[in-house]
Amino acid sequence: MAAPKFGALRQVIVADTDAAALTLARDAHASWYRSITKLWHAYGDHQPDTIFNWDFCVEHETLMFGSPARVREQFARFFERSGCNYVACAFSFGTLPHAEALRSLRLFADEVMPAFAAGAAPAARS
């Protein structure tokens, strides 16, 4: 019998440097946050604010961003702690420019994914 699939969704931005990724992530997240909470706020409900705010997303790594090395470490830690055996990544969200989303996806495919080939996840550094 095949192992059950257990996965998660993560927003991902990979850039040449951690600083460049941080700038892109903050801007994209801010517009995404306004959009995702718009209807709740329109009806006076602010309960979902906590799980979608910047600090929560960064702390719980539902938004992963950085250089390829940093993102590899984040995913290694994620797989190790969660037990997930797959992840769906959102590379385009908020107001992230299309060119930046494509660049992020390319860096992820070329420099992050190979570290996880054949299920051989690198060990996360604490």
PDB file of N, CA and C in Angstrom:
ATOM      1  N   MET A   1       0.847  -1.176   0.000  1.00  0.00           N
ATOM      2  CA  MET A   1       0.000   0.000   0.000  1.00  0.00           C
ATOM      3  C   MET A   1       0.899   1.248   0.000  1.00  0.00           C
ATOM      4  N   ALA A   2       0.556   2.208  -0.836  1.00  0.00           N
ATOM      5  CA  ALA A   2       1.331   3.450  -0.938  1.00  0.00           C
ATOM      6  C   ALA A   2       1.159   4.285   0.329  1.00  0.00           C
ATOM      7  N   ALA A   3       2.220   4.990   0.673  1.00  0.00           N
ATOM      8  CA  ALA A   3       2.168   5.892   1.829  1.00  0.00           C
ATOM      9  C   ALA A   3       1.168   7.004   1.547  1.00  0.00           C
ATOM     10  N   PRO A   4       0.394   7.394   2.548  1.00  0.00           N
ATOM     11  CA  PRO A   4      -0.561   8.493   2.328  1.00  0.00           C
ATOM     12  C   PRO A   4       0.172   9.802   2.055  1.00  0.00           C
ATOM     13  N   LYS A   5      -0.466  10.642   1.297  1.00  0.00           N
ATOM     14  CA  LYS A   5       0.087  11.967   1.011  1.00  0.00           C
ATOM     15  C   LYS A   5      -0.290  12.911   2.136  1.00  0.00           C
ATOM     16  N   PHE A   6       0.689  13.650   2.590  1.00  0.00           N
ATOM     17  CA  PHE A   6       0.469  14.630   3.651  1.00  0.00           C
ATOM     18  C   PHE A   6       1.217  15.879   3.245  1.00  0.00           C
ATOM     19  N   GLY A   7       0.501  16.928   2.896  1.00  0.00           N
ATOM     20  CA  GLY A   7       1.160  18.101   2.357  1.00  0.00           C
ATOM     21  C   GLY A   7       0.670  19.401   2.948  1.00  0.00           C
ATOM     22  N   ALA A   8       1.248  20.472   2.442  1.00  0.00           N
ATOM     23  CA  ALA A   8       0.922  21.812   2.909  1.00  0.00           C
ATOM     24  C   ALA A   8       1.159  22.805   1.780  1.00  0.00           C
ATOM     25  N   LEU A   9       0.625  23.996   1.949  1.00  0.00           N
ATOM     26  CA  LEU A   9       0.824  25.090   1.008  1.00  0.00           C
ATOM     27  C   LEU A   9       1.743  26.118   1.653  1.00  0.00           C
ATOM     28  N   ARG A  10       2.699  26.602   0.904  1.00  0.00           N
ATOM     29  CA  ARG A  10       3.595  27.651   1.377  1.00  0.00           C
ATOM     30  C   ARG A  10       3.753  28.706   0.295  1.00  0.00           C
ATOM     31  N   GLN A  11       3.774  29.980   0.706  1.00  0.00           N
ATOM     32  CA  GLN A  11       4.121  31.064  -0.200  1.00  0.00           C
ATOM     33  C   GLN A  11       5.642  31.149  -0.188  1.00  0.00           C
ATOM     34  N   VAL A  12       6.240  31.323  -1.373  1.00  0.00           N
ATOM     35  CA  VAL A  12       7.694  31.249  -1.485  1.00  0.00           C
ATOM     36  C   VAL A  12       8.215  32.382  -2.356  1.00  0.00           C
ATOM     37  N   ILE A  13       9.265  33.045  -1.855  1.00  0.00           N
ATOM     38  CA  ILE A  13      10.004  34.015  -2.663  1.00  0.00           C
ATOM     39  C   ILE A  13      11.485  33.726  -2.482  1.00  0.00           C
ATOM     40  N   VAL A  14      12.151  33.420  -3.596  1.00  0.00           N
ATOM     41  CA  VAL A  14      13.585  33.184  -3.601  1.00  0.00           C
ATOM     42  C   VAL A  14      14.214  34.307  -4.420  1.00  0.00           C
ATOM     43  N   ALA A  15      15.245  34.918  -3.870  1.00  0.00           N
ATOM     44  CA  ALA A  15      15.973  35.988  -4.558  1.00  0.00           C
ATOM     45  C   ALA A  15      17.464  35.735  -4.364  1.00  0.00           C
ATOM     46  N   ASP A  16      18.277  36.563  -4.982  1.00  0.00           N
ATOM     47  CA  ASP A  16      19.717  36.370  -4.889  1.00  0.00           C
ATOM     48  C   ASP A  16      20.234  36.523  -3.462  1.00  0.00           C
ATOM     49  N   THR A  17      19.592  37.405  -2.701  1.00  0.00           N
ATOM     50  CA  THR A  17      20.035  37.639  -1.321  1.00  0.00           C
ATOM     51  C   THR A  17      18.832  37.610  -0.380  1.00  0.00           C
ATOM     52  N   ASP A  18      19.115  37.391   0.889  1.00  0.00           N
ATOM     53  CA  ASP A  18      18.050  37.435   1.894  1.00  0.00           C
ATOM     54  C   ASP A  18      17.400  38.812   1.930  1.00  0.00           C
ATOM     55  N   ALA A  19      18.213  39.866   1.823  1.00  0.00           N
ATOM     56  CA  ALA A  19      17.691  41.232   1.887  1.00  0.00           C
ATOM     57  C   ALA A  19      16.747  41.521   0.716  1.00  0.00           C
ATOM     58  N   ALA A  20      17.125  41.095  -0.481  1.00  0.00           N
ATOM     59  CA  ALA A  20      16.263  41.323  -1.648  1.00  0.00           C
ATOM     60  C   ALA A  20      14.953  40.559  -1.502  1.00  0.00           C
ATOM     61  N   ALA A  21      15.025  39.339  -1.010  1.00  0.00           N
ATOM     62  CA  ALA A  21      13.811  38.540  -0.817  1.00  0.00           C
ATOM     63  C   ALA A  21      12.912  39.149   0.251  1.00  0.00           C
ATOM     64  N   LEU A  22      13.512  39.671   1.315  1.00  0.00           N
ATOM     65  CA  LEU A  22      12.733  40.315   2.378  1.00  0.00           C
ATOM     66  C   LEU A  22      11.932  41.486   1.834  1.00  0.00           C
ATOM     67  N   THR A  23      12.552  42.324   1.031  1.00  0.00           N
ATOM     68  CA  THR A  23      11.854  43.471   0.446  1.00  0.00           C
ATOM     69  C   THR A  23      10.685  43.012  -0.424  1.00  0.00           C
ATOM     70  N   LEU A  24      10.928  42.036  -1.286  1.00  0.00           N
ATOM     71  CA  LEU A  24       9.859  41.517  -2.142  1.00  0.00           C
ATOM     72  C   LEU A  24       8.744  40.885  -1.308  1.00  0.00           C
ATOM     73  N   ALA A  25       9.124  40.109  -0.306  1.00  0.00           N
ATOM     74  CA  ALA A  25       8.143  39.406   0.517  1.00  0.00           C
ATOM     75  C   ALA A  25       7.272  40.373   1.303  1.00  0.00           C
ATOM     76  N   ARG A  26       7.868  41.403   1.893  1.00  0.00           N
ATOM     77  CA  ARG A  26       7.080  42.378   2.669  1.00  0.00           C
ATOM     78  C   ARG A  26       6.033  43.054   1.799  1.00  0.00           C
ATOM     79  N   ASP A  27       6.447  43.492   0.617  1.00  0.00           N
ATOM     80  CA  ASP A  27       5.516  44.186  -0.277  1.00  0.00           C
ATOM     81  C   ASP A  27       4.409  43.261  -0.758  1.00  0.00           C
ATOM     82  N   ALA A  28       4.777  42.065  -1.196  1.00  0.00           N
ATOM     83  CA  ALA A  28       3.784  41.114  -1.705  1.00  0.00           C
ATOM     84  C   ALA A  28       2.829  40.681  -0.595  1.00  0.00           C
ATOM     85  N   HIS A  29       3.371  40.438   0.582  1.00  0.00           N
ATOM     86  CA  HIS A  29       2.533  40.002   1.692  1.00  0.00           C
ATOM     87  C   HIS A  29       1.543  41.089   2.103  1.00  0.00           C
ATOM     88  N   ALA A  30       1.983  42.328   2.142  1.00  0.00           N
ATOM     89  CA  ALA A  30       1.104  43.426   2.562  1.00  0.00           C
ATOM     90  C   ALA A  30      -0.135  43.507   1.669  1.00  0.00           C
ATOM     91  N   SER A  31       0.051  43.421   0.371  1.00  0.00           N
ATOM     92  CA  SER A  31      -1.107  43.497  -0.529  1.00  0.00           C
ATOM     93  C   SER A  31      -1.942  42.213  -0.454  1.00  0.00           C
ATOM     94  N   TRP A  32      -1.274  41.066  -0.323  1.00  0.00           N
ATOM     95  CA  TRP A  32      -2.005  39.805  -0.172  1.00  0.00           C
ATOM     96  C   TRP A  32      -2.843  39.823   1.102  1.00  0.00           C
ATOM     97  N   TYR A  33      -2.275  40.323   2.202  1.00  0.00           N
ATOM     98  CA  TYR A  33      -2.980  40.402   3.483  1.00  0.00           C
ATOM     99  C   TYR A  33      -4.250  41.254   3.355  1.00  0.00           C
ATOM    100  N   ARG A  34      -4.117  42.417   2.720  1.00  0.00           N
ATOM    101  CA  ARG A  34      -5.296  43.275   2.536  1.00  0.00           C
ATOM    102  C   ARG A  34      -6.378  42.557   1.729  1.00  0.00           C
ATOM    103  N   SER A  35      -5.960  41.825   0.724  1.00  0.00           N
ATOM    104  CA  SER A  35      -6.907  41.114  -0.126  1.00  0.00           C
ATOM    105  C   SER A  35      -7.564  39.940   0.600  1.00  0.00           C
ATOM    106  N   ILE A  36      -6.773  39.139   1.297  1.00  0.00           N
ATOM    107  CA  ILE A  36      -7.309  37.932   1.939  1.00  0.00           C
ATOM    108  C   ILE A  36      -8.241  38.273   3.104  1.00  0.00           C
ATOM    109  N   THR A  37      -8.025  39.417   3.735  1.00  0.00           N
ATOM    110  CA  THR A  37      -8.852  39.785   4.888  1.00  0.00           C
ATOM    111  C   THR A  37      -9.979  40.759   4.533  1.00  0.00           C
ATOM    112  N   LYS A  38     -10.040  41.214   3.295  1.00  0.00           N
ATOM    113  CA  LYS A  38     -10.987  42.260   2.891  1.00  0.00           C
ATOM    114  C   LYS A  38     -12.440  41.965   3.268  1.00  0.00           C
ATOM    115  N   LEU A  39     -12.932  40.807   2.896  1.00  0.00           N
ATOM    116  CA  LEU A  39     -14.346  40.509   3.182  1.00  0.00           C
ATOM    117  C   LEU A  39     -14.603  40.322   4.669  1.00  0.00           C
ATOM    118  N   TRP A  40     -13.675  39.694   5.375  1.00  0.00           N
ATOM    119  CA  TRP A  40     -13.855  39.576   6.823  1.00  0.00           C
ATOM    120  C   TRP A  40     -13.956  40.968   7.442  1.00  0.00           C
ATOM    121  N   HIS A  41     -13.042  41.845   7.045  1.00  0.00           N
ATOM    122  CA  HIS A  41     -13.041  43.200   7.597  1.00  0.00           C
ATOM    123  C   HIS A  41     -14.303  43.962   7.210  1.00  0.00           C
ATOM    124  N   ALA A  42     -14.793  43.738   6.000  1.00  0.00           N
ATOM    125  CA  ALA A  42     -16.013  44.422   5.554  1.00  0.00           C
ATOM    126  C   ALA A  42     -17.205  44.089   6.449  1.00  0.00           C
ATOM    127  N   TYR A  43     -17.156  42.932   7.081  1.00  0.00           N
ATOM    128  CA  TYR A  43     -18.240  42.507   7.970  1.00  0.00           C
ATOM    129  C   TYR A  43     -17.834  42.567   9.440  1.00  0.00           C
ATOM    130  N   GLY A  44     -16.771  43.331   9.718  1.00  0.00           N
ATOM    131  CA  GLY A  44     -16.365  43.575  11.097  1.00  0.00           C
ATOM    132  C   GLY A  44     -15.700  42.408  11.798  1.00  0.00           C
ATOM    133  N   ASP A  45     -15.251  41.433  11.055  1.00  0.00           N
ATOM    134  CA  ASP A  45     -14.608  40.253  11.651  1.00  0.00           C
ATOM    135  C   ASP A  45     -13.101  40.354  11.482  1.00  0.00           C
ATOM    136  N   HIS A  46     -12.388  40.436  12.591  1.00  0.00           N
ATOM    137  CA  HIS A  46     -10.926  40.532  12.557  1.00  0.00           C
ATOM    138  C   HIS A  46     -10.266  39.289  13.135  1.00  0.00           C
ATOM    139  N   GLN A  47     -11.047  38.245  13.353  1.00  0.00           N
ATOM    140  CA  GLN A  47     -10.507  37.015  13.908  1.00  0.00           C
ATOM    141  C   GLN A  47      -9.380  36.419  13.051  1.00  0.00           C
ATOM    142  N   PRO A  48      -9.490  36.401  11.710  1.00  0.00           N
ATOM    143  CA  PRO A  48      -8.427  35.791  10.911  1.00  0.00           C
ATOM    144  C   PRO A  48      -7.145  36.619  10.810  1.00  0.00           C
ATOM    145  N   ASP A  49      -7.173  37.846  11.320  1.00  0.00           N
ATOM    146  CA  ASP A  49      -6.007  38.720  11.182  1.00  0.00           C
ATOM    147  C   ASP A  49      -4.728  38.068  11.700  1.00  0.00           C
ATOM    148  N   THR A  50      -4.807  37.413  12.823  1.00  0.00           N
ATOM    149  CA  THR A  50      -3.617  36.851  13.452  1.00  0.00           C
ATOM    150  C   THR A  50      -2.929  35.822  12.567  1.00  0.00           C
ATOM    151  N   ILE A  51      -3.682  34.913  11.979  1.00  0.00           N
ATOM    152  CA  ILE A  51      -3.036  33.843  11.206  1.00  0.00           C
ATOM    153  C   ILE A  51      -2.532  34.303   9.840  1.00  0.00           C
ATOM    154  N   PHE A  52      -2.955  35.486   9.410  1.00  0.00           N
ATOM    155  CA  PHE A  52      -2.503  35.994   8.123  1.00  0.00           C
ATOM    156  C   PHE A  52      -1.498  37.143   8.253  1.00  0.00           C
ATOM    157  N   ASN A  53      -1.248  37.641   9.469  1.00  0.00           N
ATOM    158  CA  ASN A  53      -0.360  38.800   9.579  1.00  0.00           C
ATOM    159  C   ASN A  53       1.101  38.406   9.353  1.00  0.00           C
ATOM    160  N   TRP A  54       1.916  39.390   9.051  1.00  0.00           N
ATOM    161  CA  TRP A  54       3.318  39.191   8.706  1.00  0.00           C
ATOM    162  C   TRP A  54       4.063  38.392   9.768  1.00  0.00           C
ATOM    163  N   ASP A  55       3.971  38.808  11.008  1.00  0.00           N
ATOM    164  CA  ASP A  55       4.736  38.154  12.071  1.00  0.00           C
ATOM    165  C   ASP A  55       4.386  36.672  12.196  1.00  0.00           C
ATOM    166  N   PHE A  56       3.105  36.351  12.141  1.00  0.00           N
ATOM    167  CA  PHE A  56       2.676  34.954  12.242  1.00  0.00           C
ATOM    168  C   PHE A  56       3.203  34.145  11.053  1.00  0.00           C
ATOM    169  N   CYS A  57       3.060  34.689   9.853  1.00  0.00           N
ATOM    170  CA  CYS A  57       3.495  33.981   8.648  1.00  0.00           C
ATOM    171  C   CYS A  57       5.002  33.727   8.650  1.00  0.00           C
ATOM    172  N   VAL A  58       5.769  34.688   9.114  1.00  0.00           N
ATOM    173  CA  VAL A  58       7.220  34.520   9.176  1.00  0.00           C
ATOM    174  C   VAL A  58       7.596  33.536  10.284  1.00  0.00           C
ATOM    175  N   GLU A  59       7.008  33.714  11.461  1.00  0.00           N
ATOM    176  CA  GLU A  59       7.331  32.843  12.591  1.00  0.00           C
ATOM    177  C   GLU A  59       6.999  31.386  12.302  1.00  0.00           C
ATOM    178  N   HIS A  60       5.848  31.140  11.675  1.00  0.00           N
ATOM    179  CA  HIS A  60       5.401  29.773  11.412  1.00  0.00           C
ATOM    180  C   HIS A  60       5.794  29.281  10.019  1.00  0.00           C
ATOM    181  N   GLU A  61       6.563  30.104   9.322  1.00  0.00           N
ATOM    182  CA  GLU A  61       7.090  29.784   7.999  1.00  0.00           C
ATOM    183  C   GLU A  61       6.016  29.311   7.020  1.00  0.00           C
ATOM    184  N   THR A  62       4.870  29.989   7.057  1.00  0.00           N
ATOM    185  CA  THR A  62       3.887  29.769   5.996  1.00  0.00           C
ATOM    186  C   THR A  62       4.270  30.603   4.781  1.00  0.00           C
ATOM    187  N   LEU A  63       5.121  31.589   5.001  1.00  0.00           N
ATOM    188  CA  LEU A  63       5.754  32.390   3.964  1.00  0.00           C
ATOM    189  C   LEU A  63       7.247  32.153   4.109  1.00  0.00           C
ATOM    190  N   MET A  64       7.850  31.552   3.094  1.00  0.00           N
ATOM    191  CA  MET A  64       9.285  31.272   3.125  1.00  0.00           C
ATOM    192  C   MET A  64       9.959  32.156   2.099  1.00  0.00           C
ATOM    193  N   PHE A  65      11.008  32.832   2.510  1.00  0.00           N
ATOM    194  CA  PHE A  65      11.695  33.748   1.607  1.00  0.00           C
ATOM    195  C   PHE A  65      13.163  33.837   1.974  1.00  0.00           C
ATOM    196  N   GLY A  66      13.960  34.182   0.986  1.00  0.00           N
ATOM    197  CA  GLY A  66      15.383  34.371   1.215  1.00  0.00           C
ATOM    198  C   GLY A  66      16.191  33.947   0.014  1.00  0.00           C
ATOM    199  N   SER A  67      17.490  33.857   0.252  1.00  0.00           N
ATOM    200  CA  SER A  67      18.402  33.345  -0.763  1.00  0.00           C
ATOM    201  C   SER A  67      18.099  31.857  -0.947  1.00  0.00           C
ATOM    202  N   PRO A  68      18.606  31.243  -2.009  1.00  0.00           N
ATOM    203  CA  PRO A  68      18.386  29.803  -2.161  1.00  0.00           C
ATOM    204  C   PRO A  68      18.852  29.003  -0.941  1.00  0.00           C
ATOM    205  N   ALA A  69      19.969  29.369  -0.354  1.00  0.00           N
ATOM    206  CA  ALA A  69      20.477  28.645   0.820  1.00  0.00           C
ATOM    207  C   ALA A  69      19.509  28.751   1.990  1.00  0.00           C
ATOM    208  N   ARG A  70      18.991  29.940   2.226  1.00  0.00           N
ATOM    209  CA  ARG A  70      18.058  30.115   3.343  1.00  0.00           C
ATOM    210  C   ARG A  70      16.762  29.340   3.101  1.00  0.00           C
ATOM    211  N   VAL A  71      16.243  29.387   1.887  1.00  0.00           N
ATOM    212  CA  VAL A  71      14.992  28.697   1.581  1.00  0.00           C
ATOM    213  C   VAL A  71      15.192  27.180   1.679  1.00  0.00           C
ATOM    214  N   ARG A  72      16.346  26.679   1.256  1.00  0.00           N
ATOM    215  CA  ARG A  72      16.637  25.244   1.439  1.00  0.00           C
ATOM    216  C   ARG A  72      16.573  24.873   2.913  1.00  0.00           C
ATOM    217  N   GLU A  73      17.169  25.701   3.763  1.00  0.00           N
ATOM    218  CA  GLU A  73      17.148  25.443   5.207  1.00  0.00           C
ATOM    219  C   GLU A  73      15.718  25.482   5.749  1.00  0.00           C
ATOM    220  N   GLN A  74      14.929  26.443   5.291  1.00  0.00           N
ATOM    221  CA  GLN A  74      13.545  26.541   5.749  1.00  0.00           C
ATOM    222  C   GLN A  74      12.755  25.288   5.365  1.00  0.00           C
ATOM    223  N   PHE A  75      12.913  24.839   4.127  1.00  0.00           N
ATOM    224  CA  PHE A  75      12.176  23.650   3.692  1.00  0.00           C
ATOM    225  C   PHE A  75      12.676  22.394   4.396  1.00  0.00           C
ATOM    226  N   ALA A  76      13.969  22.279   4.611  1.00  0.00           N
ATOM    227  CA  ALA A  76      14.490  21.118   5.338  1.00  0.00           C
ATOM    228  C   ALA A  76      13.885  21.067   6.738  1.00  0.00           C
ATOM    229  N   ARG A  77      13.850  22.209   7.403  1.00  0.00           N
ATOM    230  CA  ARG A  77      13.258  22.293   8.740  1.00  0.00           C
ATOM    231  C   ARG A  77      11.765  21.960   8.692  1.00  0.00           C
ATOM    232  N   PHE A  78      11.077  22.493   7.693  1.00  0.00           N
ATOM    233  CA  PHE A  78       9.645  22.236   7.524  1.00  0.00           C
ATOM    234  C   PHE A  78       9.364  20.741   7.366  1.00  0.00           C
ATOM    235  N   PHE A  79      10.081  20.082   6.460  1.00  0.00           N
ATOM    236  CA  PHE A  79       9.849  18.655   6.235  1.00  0.00           C
ATOM    237  C   PHE A  79      10.187  17.835   7.476  1.00  0.00           C
ATOM    238  N   GLU A  80      11.268  18.193   8.135  1.00  0.00           N
ATOM    239  CA  GLU A  80      11.683  17.469   9.333  1.00  0.00           C
ATOM    240  C   GLU A  80      10.654  17.586  10.454  1.00  0.00           C
ATOM    241  N   ARG A  81      10.164  18.787  10.684  1.00  0.00           N
ATOM    242  CA  ARG A  81       9.227  19.024  11.791  1.00  0.00           C
ATOM    243  C   ARG A  81       7.800  18.579  11.490  1.00  0.00           C
ATOM    244  N   SER A  82       7.389  18.705  10.241  1.00  0.00           N
ATOM    245  CA  SER A  82       5.978  18.471   9.911  1.00  0.00           C
ATOM    246  C   SER A  82       5.660  17.029   9.531  1.00  0.00           C
ATOM    247  N   GLY A  83       6.619  16.342   8.973  1.00  0.00           N
ATOM    248  CA  GLY A  83       6.345  15.005   8.459  1.00  0.00           C
ATOM    249  C   GLY A  83       5.670  15.022   7.099  1.00  0.00           C
ATOM    250  N   CYS A  84       5.482  16.210   6.526  1.00  0.00           N
ATOM    251  CA  CYS A  84       4.878  16.309   5.193  1.00  0.00           C
ATOM    252  C   CYS A  84       5.757  15.604   4.167  1.00  0.00           C
ATOM    253  N   ASN A  85       5.116  15.041   3.154  1.00  0.00           N
ATOM    254  CA  ASN A  85       5.889  14.424   2.084  1.00  0.00           C
ATOM    255  C   ASN A  85       5.670  15.120   0.735  1.00  0.00           C
ATOM    256  N   TYR A  86       4.969  16.244   0.758  1.00  0.00           N
ATOM    257  CA  TYR A  86       4.913  17.114  -0.413  1.00  0.00           C
ATOM    258  C   TYR A  86       4.484  18.507   0.017  1.00  0.00           C
ATOM    259  N   VAL A  87       4.750  19.467  -0.856  1.00  0.00           N
ATOM    260  CA  VAL A  87       4.355  20.844  -0.571  1.00  0.00           C
ATOM    261  C   VAL A  87       3.912  21.494  -1.884  1.00  0.00           C
ATOM    262  N   ALA A  88       2.857  22.284  -1.816  1.00  0.00           N
ATOM    263  CA  ALA A  88       2.412  23.092  -2.946  1.00  0.00           C
ATOM    264  C   ALA A  88       2.889  24.513  -2.675  1.00  0.00           C
ATOM    265  N   CYS A  89       3.601  25.077  -3.622  1.00  0.00           N
ATOM    266  CA  CYS A  89       4.191  26.401  -3.427  1.00  0.00           C
ATOM    267  C   CYS A  89       3.476  27.444  -4.268  1.00  0.00           C
ATOM    268  N   ALA A  90       3.191  28.585  -3.663  1.00  0.00           N
ATOM    269  CA  ALA A  90       2.626  29.737  -4.375  1.00  0.00           C
ATOM    270  C   ALA A  90       3.767  30.723  -4.593  1.00  0.00           C
ATOM    271  N   PHE A  91       4.134  30.930  -5.848  1.00  0.00           N
ATOM    272  CA  PHE A  91       5.232  31.837  -6.179  1.00  0.00           C
ATOM    273  C   PHE A  91       4.740  33.203  -6.628  1.00  0.00           C
ATOM    274  N   SER A  92       3.451  33.331  -6.855  1.00  0.00           N
ATOM    275  CA  SER A  92       2.879  34.601  -7.306  1.00  0.00           C
ATOM    276  C   SER A  92       1.701  34.936  -6.404  1.00  0.00           C
ATOM    277  N   PHE A  93       1.835  35.997  -5.647  1.00  0.00           N
ATOM    278  CA  PHE A  93       0.758  36.424  -4.746  1.00  0.00           C
ATOM    279  C   PHE A  93       0.942  37.897  -4.458  1.00  0.00           C
ATOM    280  N   GLY A  94      -0.132  38.507  -3.992  1.00  0.00           N
ATOM    281  CA  GLY A  94      -0.069  39.942  -3.702  1.00  0.00           C
ATOM    282  C   GLY A  94       0.289  40.717  -4.951  1.00  0.00           C
ATOM    283  N   THR A  95       1.134  41.716  -4.783  1.00  0.00           N
ATOM    284  CA  THR A  95       1.551  42.546  -5.911  1.00  0.00           C
ATOM    285  C   THR A  95       2.959  42.202  -6.390  1.00  0.00           C
ATOM    286  N   LEU A  96       3.406  40.986  -6.114  1.00  0.00           N
ATOM    287  CA  LEU A  96       4.726  40.580  -6.591  1.00  0.00           C
ATOM    288  C   LEU A  96       4.750  40.670  -8.112  1.00  0.00           C
ATOM    289  N   PRO A  97       5.688  41.430  -8.667  1.00  0.00           N
ATOM    290  CA  PRO A  97       5.750  41.553 -10.129  1.00  0.00           C
ATOM    291  C   PRO A  97       5.962  40.190 -10.795  1.00  0.00           C
ATOM    292  N   HIS A  98       5.352  40.014 -11.955  1.00  0.00           N
ATOM    293  CA  HIS A  98       5.429  38.754 -12.682  1.00  0.00           C
ATOM    294  C   HIS A  98       6.882  38.317 -12.907  1.00  0.00           C
ATOM    295  N   ALA A  99       7.719  39.241 -13.311  1.00  0.00           N
ATOM    296  CA  ALA A  99       9.129  38.905 -13.567  1.00  0.00           C
ATOM    297  C   ALA A  99       9.813  38.386 -12.298  1.00  0.00           C
ATOM    298  N   GLU A 100       9.485  38.963 -11.159  1.00  0.00           N
ATOM    299  CA  GLU A 100      10.080  38.511  -9.895  1.00  0.00           C
ATOM    300  C   GLU A 100       9.562  37.124  -9.517  1.00  0.00           C
ATOM    301  N   ALA A 101       8.280  36.873  -9.766  1.00  0.00           N
ATOM    302  CA  ALA A 101       7.724  35.548  -9.485  1.00  0.00           C
ATOM    303  C   ALA A 101       8.404  34.488 -10.352  1.00  0.00           C
ATOM    304  N   LEU A 102       8.609  34.791 -11.631  1.00  0.00           N
ATOM    305  CA  LEU A 102       9.292  33.851 -12.521  1.00  0.00           C
ATOM    306  C   LEU A 102      10.740  33.624 -12.093  1.00  0.00           C
ATOM    307  N   ARG A 103      11.421  34.689 -11.709  1.00  0.00           N
ATOM    308  CA  ARG A 103      12.812  34.563 -11.238  1.00  0.00           C
ATOM    309  C   ARG A 103      12.861  33.706  -9.978  1.00  0.00           C
ATOM    310  N   SER A 104      11.931  33.933  -9.070  1.00  0.00           N
ATOM    311  CA  SER A 104      11.857  33.165  -7.835  1.00  0.00           C
ATOM    312  C   SER A 104      11.636  31.681  -8.137  1.00  0.00           C
ATOM    313  N   LEU A 105      10.720  31.399  -9.034  1.00  0.00           N
ATOM    314  CA  LEU A 105      10.436  30.023  -9.416  1.00  0.00           C
ATOM    315  C   LEU A 105      11.670  29.366 -10.036  1.00  0.00           C
ATOM    316  N   ARG A 106      12.370  30.087 -10.886  1.00  0.00           N
ATOM    317  CA  ARG A 106      13.575  29.546 -11.525  1.00  0.00           C
ATOM    318  C   ARG A 106      14.648  29.249 -10.475  1.00  0.00           C
ATOM    319  N   LEU A 107      14.885  30.178  -9.555  1.00  0.00           N
ATOM    320  CA  LEU A 107      15.876  29.943  -8.500  1.00  0.00           C
ATOM    321  C   LEU A 107      15.479  28.739  -7.639  1.00  0.00           C
ATOM    322  N   PHE A 108      14.194  28.622  -7.359  1.00  0.00           N
ATOM    323  CA  PHE A 108      13.712  27.493  -6.563  1.00  0.00           C
ATOM    324  C   PHE A 108      13.975  26.179  -7.295  1.00  0.00           C
ATOM    325  N   ALA A 109      13.607  26.140  -8.578  1.00  0.00           N
ATOM    326  CA  ALA A 109      13.781  24.915  -9.369  1.00  0.00           C
ATOM    327  C   ALA A 109      15.250  24.546  -9.531  1.00  0.00           C
ATOM    328  N   ASP A 110      16.099  25.542  -9.739  1.00  0.00           N
ATOM    329  CA  ASP A 110      17.514  25.277  -9.998  1.00  0.00           C
ATOM    330  C   ASP A 110      18.349  25.086  -8.742  1.00  0.00           C
ATOM    331  N   GLU A 111      18.013  25.794  -7.661  1.00  0.00           N
ATOM    332  CA  GLU A 111      18.913  25.822  -6.511  1.00  0.00           C
ATOM    333  C   GLU A 111      18.327  25.300  -5.199  1.00  0.00           C
ATOM    334  N   VAL A 112      17.013  25.117  -5.145  1.00  0.00           N
ATOM    335  CA  VAL A 112      16.399  24.597  -3.914  1.00  0.00           C
ATOM    336  C   VAL A 112      15.929  23.160  -4.110  1.00  0.00           C
ATOM    337  N   MET A 113      15.125  22.921  -5.123  1.00  0.00           N
ATOM    338  CA  MET A 113      14.550  21.598  -5.339  1.00  0.00           C
ATOM    339  C   MET A 113      15.569  20.473  -5.441  1.00  0.00           C
ATOM    340  N   PRO A 114      16.694  20.654  -6.134  1.00  0.00           N
ATOM    341  CA  PRO A 114      17.635  19.531  -6.255  1.00  0.00           C
ATOM    342  C   PRO A 114      18.100  18.965  -4.908  1.00  0.00           C
ATOM    343  N   ALA A 115      18.090  19.773  -3.876  1.00  0.00           N
ATOM    344  CA  ALA A 115      18.505  19.301  -2.553  1.00  0.00           C
ATOM    345  C   ALA A 115      17.520  18.289  -1.984  1.00  0.00           C
ATOM    346  N   PHE A 116      16.327  18.231  -2.543  1.00  0.00           N
ATOM    347  CA  PHE A 116      15.284  17.343  -2.033  1.00  0.00           C
ATOM    348  C   PHE A 116      14.959  16.217  -3.011  1.00  0.00           C
ATOM    349  N   ALA A 117      15.807  16.012  -3.998  1.00  0.00           N
ATOM    350  CA  ALA A 117      15.580  14.967  -4.992  1.00  0.00           C
ATOM    351  C   ALA A 117      15.542  13.599  -4.324  1.00  0.00           C
ATOM    352  N   ALA A 118      14.652  12.767  -4.796  1.00  0.00           N
ATOM    353  CA  ALA A 118      14.507  11.388  -4.301  1.00  0.00           C
ATOM    354  C   ALA A 118      14.241  11.335  -2.803  1.00  0.00           C
ATOM    355  N   GLY A 119      13.620  12.365  -2.265  1.00  0.00           N
ATOM    356  CA  GLY A 119      13.252  12.348  -0.851  1.00  0.00           C
ATOM    357  C   GLY A 119      14.406  12.503   0.108  1.00  0.00           C
ATOM    358  N   ALA A 120      15.577  12.846  -0.409  1.00  0.00           N
ATOM    359  CA  ALA A 120      16.748  12.995   0.449  1.00  0.00           C
ATOM    360  C   ALA A 120      16.846  14.434   0.935  1.00  0.00           C
ATOM    361  N   ALA A 121      16.055  14.774   1.943  1.00  0.00           N
ATOM    362  CA  ALA A 121      16.044  16.134   2.465  1.00  0.00           C
ATOM    363  C   ALA A 121      17.303  16.404   3.269  1.00  0.00           C
ATOM    364  N   PRO A 122      17.953  17.542   3.016  1.00  0.00           N
ATOM    365  CA  PRO A 122      19.122  17.899   3.816  1.00  0.00           C
ATOM    366  C   PRO A 122      18.714  18.204   5.246  1.00  0.00           C
ATOM    367  N   ALA A 123      19.591  17.965   6.157  1.00  0.00           N
ATOM    368  CA  ALA A 123      19.288  18.248   7.570  1.00  0.00           C
ATOM    369  C   ALA A 123      19.188  19.748   7.794  1.00  0.00           C
ATOM    370  N   ALA A 124      18.218  20.135   8.577  1.00  0.00           N
ATOM    371  CA  ALA A 124      18.044  21.547   8.912  1.00  0.00           C
ATOM    372  C   ALA A 124      19.033  21.939   9.995  1.00  0.00           C
ATOM    373  N   ARG A 125      19.544  23.143   9.882  1.00  0.00           N
ATOM    374  CA  ARG A 125      20.401  23.671  10.942  1.00  0.00           C
ATOM    375  C   ARG A 125      19.532  24.425  11.932  1.00  0.00           C
ATOM    376  N   SER A 126      19.759  24.219  13.192  1.00  0.00           N
ATOM    377  CA  SER A 126      18.949  24.913  14.214  1.00  0.00           C
ATOM    378  C   SER A 126      19.510  26.246  14.547  1.00  0.00           C
TER     379      SER A 126
END
